[in-house]
Each structure stands twice: as structure tokens, then as C-alpha cells.
Amino acid sequence: MRSADPPIKDADSVEAFAVKHDISRAKAYMEIRAGRLIARKVGTRTIITREDGEAWRRSLPALTPVTTPP
């Protein structure tokens, strides 16, 4: 019987990444499929390294403040 793969330092599962960034698991996979978020395979596990997650976050568009007339 094979034991569970040990956690990888400085990387998250897709589920943990989604929770950490307050997005759904489905949205994380959509970002991966679109090529905006890099994921890696370790055996059967899909992981996102800290560096790849930070690059994704930096690539997100900044919101432009909207001012309302007085």
C-alpha cells in the first residue's frame, strides 16, 4: 500500500491555493486552462508553487477608482 505523498514546501494544492486566494477551485482550474496560472504535476497531484501563485497575482489587473459626482 502506498502512503500519501508528503506535502511540498513552498507549494499548494489547487484546493489550498483557491482557499488562500479566495477563489473557487473551478476558477483556479479555469485560470490554469487559460494559461494565466502555472500548475505542475507531482505524480498524480497538481500543485501551484509560491512563485507561480505570486506571478499570477501580480498579473491581475488593478482596479481603477471610480468617483461619483458630488
N, C-alpha and C. Protein backbone atom coordinates (compact mmCIF):
# COMPACT_ATOMS: atom_id res chain seq x y z
N MET A 1 0.84 -1.17 0.00
CA MET A 1 0.00 0.00 0.00
C MET A 1 0.89 1.25 0.00
N ARG A 2 0.53 2.22 -0.80
CA ARG A 2 1.31 3.43 -0.94
C ARG A 2 0.79 4.50 0.02
N SER A 3 1.71 5.15 0.71
CA SER A 3 1.29 6.21 1.62
C SER A 3 1.04 7.50 0.83
N ALA A 4 0.38 8.43 1.44
CA ALA A 4 0.08 9.72 0.80
C ALA A 4 1.38 10.46 0.51
N ASP A 5 1.39 11.19 -0.60
CA ASP A 5 2.57 11.99 -0.94
C ASP A 5 2.78 13.04 0.15
N PRO A 6 4.04 13.26 0.54
CA PRO A 6 4.31 14.28 1.55
C PRO A 6 4.05 15.67 0.99
N PRO A 7 3.72 16.63 1.85
CA PRO A 7 3.50 17.99 1.36
C PRO A 7 4.79 18.56 0.78
N ILE A 8 4.65 19.40 -0.22
CA ILE A 8 5.80 20.03 -0.85
C ILE A 8 5.91 21.44 -0.31
N LYS A 9 7.09 21.77 0.21
CA LYS A 9 7.32 23.07 0.79
C LYS A 9 7.22 24.14 -0.31
N ASP A 10 6.65 25.25 0.01
CA ASP A 10 6.50 26.38 -0.92
C ASP A 10 5.60 26.07 -2.10
N ALA A 11 4.66 25.16 -1.94
CA ALA A 11 3.67 24.87 -2.98
C ALA A 11 2.36 24.49 -2.32
N ASP A 12 1.27 24.74 -3.04
CA ASP A 12 -0.06 24.41 -2.54
C ASP A 12 -0.79 23.52 -3.53
N SER A 13 -1.70 22.73 -3.03
CA SER A 13 -2.62 22.03 -3.92
C SER A 13 -3.53 23.08 -4.55
N VAL A 14 -4.23 22.71 -5.59
CA VAL A 14 -5.16 23.65 -6.23
C VAL A 14 -6.21 24.09 -5.22
N GLU A 15 -6.69 23.16 -4.42
CA GLU A 15 -7.71 23.48 -3.42
C GLU A 15 -7.19 24.48 -2.40
N ALA A 16 -5.98 24.24 -1.88
CA ALA A 16 -5.40 25.15 -0.89
C ALA A 16 -5.12 26.52 -1.51
N PHE A 17 -4.65 26.54 -2.75
CA PHE A 17 -4.41 27.81 -3.45
C PHE A 17 -5.70 28.59 -3.58
N ALA A 18 -6.77 27.91 -3.96
CA ALA A 18 -8.06 28.57 -4.13
C ALA A 18 -8.55 29.18 -2.82
N VAL A 19 -8.44 28.43 -1.74
CA VAL A 19 -8.86 28.94 -0.43
C VAL A 19 -8.01 30.15 -0.04
N LYS A 20 -6.71 30.03 -0.22
CA LYS A 20 -5.78 31.10 0.16
C LYS A 20 -6.06 32.39 -0.61
N HIS A 21 -6.51 32.27 -1.87
CA HIS A 21 -6.73 33.45 -2.71
C HIS A 21 -8.22 33.80 -2.85
N ASP A 22 -9.05 33.15 -2.06
CA ASP A 22 -10.48 33.44 -2.00
C ASP A 22 -11.15 33.34 -3.38
N ILE A 23 -10.78 32.28 -4.12
CA ILE A 23 -11.44 31.98 -5.39
C ILE A 23 -11.93 30.53 -5.31
N SER A 24 -12.81 30.16 -6.21
CA SER A 24 -13.29 28.78 -6.20
C SER A 24 -12.25 27.86 -6.84
N ARG A 25 -12.34 26.60 -6.53
CA ARG A 25 -11.47 25.59 -7.13
C ARG A 25 -11.66 25.60 -8.64
N ALA A 26 -12.91 25.73 -9.09
CA ALA A 26 -13.21 25.77 -10.52
C ALA A 26 -12.53 26.97 -11.19
N LYS A 27 -12.54 28.12 -10.53
CA LYS A 27 -11.88 29.32 -11.07
C LYS A 27 -10.38 29.09 -11.18
N ALA A 28 -9.78 28.44 -10.19
CA ALA A 28 -8.34 28.14 -10.25
C ALA A 28 -8.04 27.27 -11.47
N TYR A 29 -8.85 26.24 -11.69
CA TYR A 29 -8.64 25.38 -12.86
C TYR A 29 -8.89 26.15 -14.17
N MET A 30 -9.83 27.07 -14.17
CA MET A 30 -10.06 27.90 -15.37
C MET A 30 -8.83 28.75 -15.67
N GLU A 31 -8.22 29.30 -14.64
CA GLU A 31 -7.01 30.10 -14.81
C GLU A 31 -5.85 29.24 -15.33
N ILE A 32 -5.77 28.02 -14.85
CA ILE A 32 -4.73 27.08 -15.32
C ILE A 32 -4.96 26.76 -16.80
N ARG A 33 -6.20 26.40 -17.16
CA ARG A 33 -6.52 26.06 -18.56
C ARG A 33 -6.28 27.24 -19.50
N ALA A 34 -6.53 28.45 -19.01
CA ALA A 34 -6.34 29.65 -19.83
C ALA A 34 -4.86 30.03 -19.96
N GLY A 35 -3.99 29.39 -19.18
CA GLY A 35 -2.56 29.68 -19.24
C GLY A 35 -2.14 30.86 -18.39
N ARG A 36 -3.04 31.38 -17.59
CA ARG A 36 -2.70 32.52 -16.74
C ARG A 36 -2.08 32.09 -15.41
N LEU A 37 -2.31 30.87 -15.01
CA LEU A 37 -1.77 30.33 -13.76
C LEU A 37 -1.03 29.04 -14.09
N ILE A 38 0.22 28.97 -13.70
CA ILE A 38 1.03 27.78 -13.98
C ILE A 38 0.85 26.77 -12.86
N ALA A 39 0.53 25.55 -13.24
CA ALA A 39 0.42 24.45 -12.28
C ALA A 39 1.41 23.38 -12.70
N ARG A 40 1.80 22.55 -11.77
CA ARG A 40 2.77 21.50 -12.03
C ARG A 40 2.23 20.18 -11.48
N LYS A 41 2.69 19.09 -12.04
CA LYS A 41 2.28 17.77 -11.59
C LYS A 41 3.41 17.12 -10.81
N VAL A 42 3.06 16.54 -9.69
CA VAL A 42 3.97 15.72 -8.90
C VAL A 42 3.23 14.41 -8.71
N GLY A 43 3.57 13.43 -9.54
CA GLY A 43 2.80 12.19 -9.53
C GLY A 43 1.40 12.50 -10.00
N THR A 44 0.43 12.20 -9.16
CA THR A 44 -0.97 12.49 -9.52
C THR A 44 -1.44 13.83 -8.98
N ARG A 45 -0.62 14.46 -8.16
CA ARG A 45 -1.01 15.74 -7.54
C ARG A 45 -0.75 16.91 -8.47
N THR A 46 -1.64 17.88 -8.45
CA THR A 46 -1.44 19.14 -9.15
C THR A 46 -1.12 20.18 -8.09
N ILE A 47 0.00 20.87 -8.28
CA ILE A 47 0.42 21.86 -7.29
C ILE A 47 0.68 23.19 -7.98
N ILE A 48 0.66 24.23 -7.18
CA ILE A 48 1.00 25.58 -7.63
C ILE A 48 2.08 26.09 -6.69
N THR A 49 3.24 26.40 -7.25
CA THR A 49 4.33 26.88 -6.42
C THR A 49 4.04 28.30 -5.94
N ARG A 50 4.70 28.69 -4.89
CA ARG A 50 4.52 30.04 -4.35
C ARG A 50 4.89 31.08 -5.42
N GLU A 51 5.98 30.84 -6.15
CA GLU A 51 6.41 31.78 -7.19
C GLU A 51 5.37 31.91 -8.29
N ASP A 52 4.80 30.78 -8.74
CA ASP A 52 3.79 30.82 -9.79
C ASP A 52 2.52 31.51 -9.30
N GLY A 53 2.15 31.27 -8.05
CA GLY A 53 0.98 31.93 -7.48
C GLY A 53 1.17 33.43 -7.37
N GLU A 54 2.37 33.85 -6.96
CA GLU A 54 2.66 35.28 -6.85
C GLU A 54 2.67 35.94 -8.23
N ALA A 55 3.21 35.25 -9.24
CA ALA A 55 3.22 35.79 -10.61
C ALA A 55 1.80 35.96 -11.12
N TRP A 56 0.94 35.00 -10.83
CA TRP A 56 -0.47 35.09 -11.23
C TRP A 56 -1.13 36.30 -10.57
N ARG A 57 -0.88 36.44 -9.27
CA ARG A 57 -1.50 37.54 -8.52
C ARG A 57 -1.02 38.90 -9.05
N ARG A 58 0.29 39.02 -9.37
CA ARG A 58 0.81 40.27 -9.91
C ARG A 58 0.24 40.58 -11.29
N SER A 59 -0.16 39.55 -12.03
CA SER A 59 -0.68 39.77 -13.38
C SER A 59 -2.15 40.21 -13.40
N LEU A 60 -2.81 40.15 -12.26
CA LEU A 60 -4.21 40.55 -12.21
C LEU A 60 -4.33 42.05 -12.44
N PRO A 61 -5.35 42.46 -13.18
CA PRO A 61 -5.49 43.90 -13.45
C PRO A 61 -5.87 44.66 -12.18
N ALA A 62 -5.31 45.85 -12.07
CA ALA A 62 -5.65 46.72 -10.96
C ALA A 62 -6.97 47.42 -11.24
N LEU A 63 -7.74 47.62 -10.22
CA LEU A 63 -9.00 48.34 -10.37
C LEU A 63 -8.72 49.84 -10.44
N THR A 64 -9.42 50.49 -11.33
CA THR A 64 -9.34 51.94 -11.42
C THR A 64 -10.43 52.52 -10.53
N PRO A 65 -10.05 53.42 -9.64
CA PRO A 65 -11.08 54.00 -8.76
C PRO A 65 -12.15 54.74 -9.59
N VAL A 66 -13.37 54.55 -9.20
CA VAL A 66 -14.48 55.24 -9.86
C VAL A 66 -15.00 56.28 -8.87
N THR A 67 -15.02 57.49 -9.33
CA THR A 67 -15.54 58.55 -8.46
C THR A 67 -16.92 58.92 -8.93
N THR A 68 -17.75 59.21 -8.00
CA THR A 68 -19.12 59.63 -8.33
C THR A 68 -19.20 61.15 -8.20
N PRO A 69 -19.93 61.77 -9.10
CA PRO A 69 -20.06 63.24 -8.98
C PRO A 69 -20.76 63.62 -7.69
N PRO A 70 -20.37 64.78 -7.14
CA PRO A 70 -20.99 65.21 -5.86
C PRO A 70 -22.46 65.53 -5.97
